[in-house]
Amino acid sequence: MTKPLKTSQELNLLVADAVRQIELVAEGGSSDPASHAHVGPVYQHPRDDQGRNWDVSAGRNLGPFSGAVTKVVDPLRDRYDLADAKALPEDR
């Protein structure tokens, strides 16, 4: 199965938007950007058993959102392939 390709920049935006939507639904959204949940940049890896070739780096301020983040990121990983190879982040 061929998946649509997205650049790391496009995937980062999709992931960030999905995480922000979780916050808006869960808490009404904070106006303080420093308190927002944040997921690190996407990185490419060898295709896994589920056919995924990318993941996201560790996040911060995820707290109670960590399970919800996985639930919104995994479908994106299933739907899109990462088109541009990026090195695995050192701080992952």
Protein backbone atom coordinates (compact mmCIF):
# COMPACT_ATOMS: atom_id res chain seq x y z
CA MET A 1 0.00 0.00 0.00
CA THR A 2 1.40 3.35 -1.02
CA LYS A 3 0.82 6.17 1.41
CA PRO A 4 0.84 9.87 0.60
CA LEU A 5 4.20 11.47 1.31
CA LYS A 6 4.57 14.42 3.66
CA THR A 7 7.68 16.39 4.51
CA SER A 8 8.87 16.57 8.10
CA GLN A 9 7.62 20.16 8.22
CA GLU A 10 4.15 19.11 7.06
CA LEU A 11 3.99 16.24 9.55
CA ASN A 12 5.21 18.48 12.38
CA LEU A 13 2.36 20.88 11.63
CA LEU A 14 -0.23 18.08 11.49
CA VAL A 15 0.99 16.65 14.80
CA ALA A 16 1.13 20.07 16.49
CA ASP A 17 -2.41 20.85 15.34
CA ALA A 18 -3.70 17.51 16.61
CA VAL A 19 -2.06 18.02 20.01
CA ARG A 20 -3.45 21.55 20.25
CA GLN A 21 -6.96 20.24 19.49
CA ILE A 22 -6.63 17.79 22.39
CA GLU A 23 -5.82 20.67 24.72
CA LEU A 24 -8.67 22.81 23.45
CA VAL A 25 -11.18 20.03 24.02
CA ALA A 26 -9.79 18.91 27.36
CA GLU A 27 -9.20 22.23 29.08
CA GLY A 28 -10.68 24.97 26.99
CA GLY A 29 -7.12 25.86 25.95
CA SER A 30 -4.67 27.94 27.92
CA SER A 31 -3.58 31.28 26.53
CA ASP A 32 -0.06 30.79 27.93
CA PRO A 33 2.06 29.18 25.17
CA ALA A 34 4.62 27.97 27.73
CA SER A 35 2.00 25.71 29.30
CA HIS A 36 0.96 24.04 26.04
CA ALA A 37 1.71 20.39 25.47
CA HIS A 38 4.49 19.98 22.94
CA VAL A 39 5.62 16.97 20.94
CA GLY A 40 9.14 16.98 19.56
CA PRO A 41 9.95 16.91 15.85
CA VAL A 42 9.24 13.92 13.66
CA TYR A 43 12.08 11.63 12.68
CA GLN A 44 12.40 8.84 10.15
CA HIS A 45 13.13 5.22 11.07
CA PRO A 46 13.17 1.95 9.17
CA ARG A 47 9.65 0.81 8.31
CA ASP A 48 8.20 -1.09 11.27
CA ASP A 49 5.76 -4.02 11.44
CA GLN A 50 2.80 -1.62 11.10
CA GLY A 51 4.30 -0.10 7.94
CA ARG A 52 5.23 3.20 9.61
CA ASN A 53 8.47 4.98 8.72
CA TRP A 54 8.38 7.89 11.19
CA ASP A 55 7.61 8.80 14.78
CA VAL A 56 7.72 11.87 17.01
CA SER A 57 10.41 12.75 19.50
CA ALA A 58 9.67 12.96 23.18
CA GLY A 59 7.35 15.76 24.22
CA ARG A 60 7.02 18.11 27.15
CA ASN A 61 4.05 19.26 29.22
CA LEU A 62 2.11 16.21 28.05
CA GLY A 63 0.90 15.21 31.50
CA PRO A 64 -2.58 13.73 31.18
CA PHE A 65 -2.46 14.17 27.39
CA SER A 66 0.22 11.55 26.68
CA GLY A 67 -2.27 8.75 25.94
CA ALA A 68 -4.42 11.06 23.82
CA VAL A 69 -1.34 12.21 21.89
CA THR A 70 -0.55 8.60 20.98
CA LYS A 71 -4.14 8.14 19.82
CA VAL A 72 -3.93 11.08 17.42
CA VAL A 73 -0.33 10.58 16.25
CA ASP A 74 -0.61 6.87 15.43
CA PRO A 75 -3.34 7.37 12.81
CA LEU A 76 -1.17 10.05 11.18
CA ARG A 77 1.71 7.57 11.14
CA ASP A 78 -0.60 5.01 9.53
CA ARG A 79 -1.86 7.45 6.92
CA TYR A 80 1.35 9.24 5.80
CA ASP A 81 4.95 8.38 5.04
CA LEU A 82 7.79 10.75 5.83
CA ALA A 83 9.27 11.89 2.54
CA ASP A 84 12.51 13.51 3.68
CA ALA A 85 15.07 11.66 5.74
CA LYS A 86 16.09 13.40 8.93
CA ALA A 87 18.68 12.20 11.41
CA LEU A 88 17.43 10.63 14.59
CA PRO A 89 17.42 13.36 17.24
CA GLU A 90 20.14 13.05 19.85
CA ASP A 91 17.79 13.97 22.69
CA ARG A 92 14.99 11.57 21.82
